[in-house]
Amino acid sequence: QLLLVESGGGLVQPGGSLRLSCTAPEANLDDYVVGWFRQAPGKEREGVSCISSSGMFDYYTDSVKGRFTISKDNAKNAVILEMNSLEPEDTANYYCVARHKTRGPTVDTMCGDKLYDYRGQGTQVTVSS
């Protein structure tokens, strides 16, 4: 079992920014493909952004391209999601997901086909004036 812990959510005005962090206290995230999903009430879950274990490949859903950036902070064993130019439509519970690299995931299968083995509890992001 992989424990994933998210932090960084909150309330922000439209146009503002937030920085989400996903850490794994008992594992090395370099061994996992990691992603960020979100789900708003009454809506399907959505793969927002995913990053390969090496950090060389990433994926963004169309609605966040140019506004969100995913990266790895190896020193902190964390995956970061920088969110800029936030819109009310970005309001959702954001949660971190992962699948071990030996199971052959790609950023496309994780985010696009929604295939992962572990998920965190999530952190709420609310964009409102």
Foldseek 3Di string as FASTA:
>chain_A
DWAKDKDWADEAAQQAKIKMKIATPPDQLLQKWKFKWWDAPPDDIATAKIAHSVRPDMDGDPVQPPFWDWGADRVRSIIMIIGGSDDQVPWTWMKMFIAGVVVPDDNCCCGVVVDGDDMYPTDTHGYHD
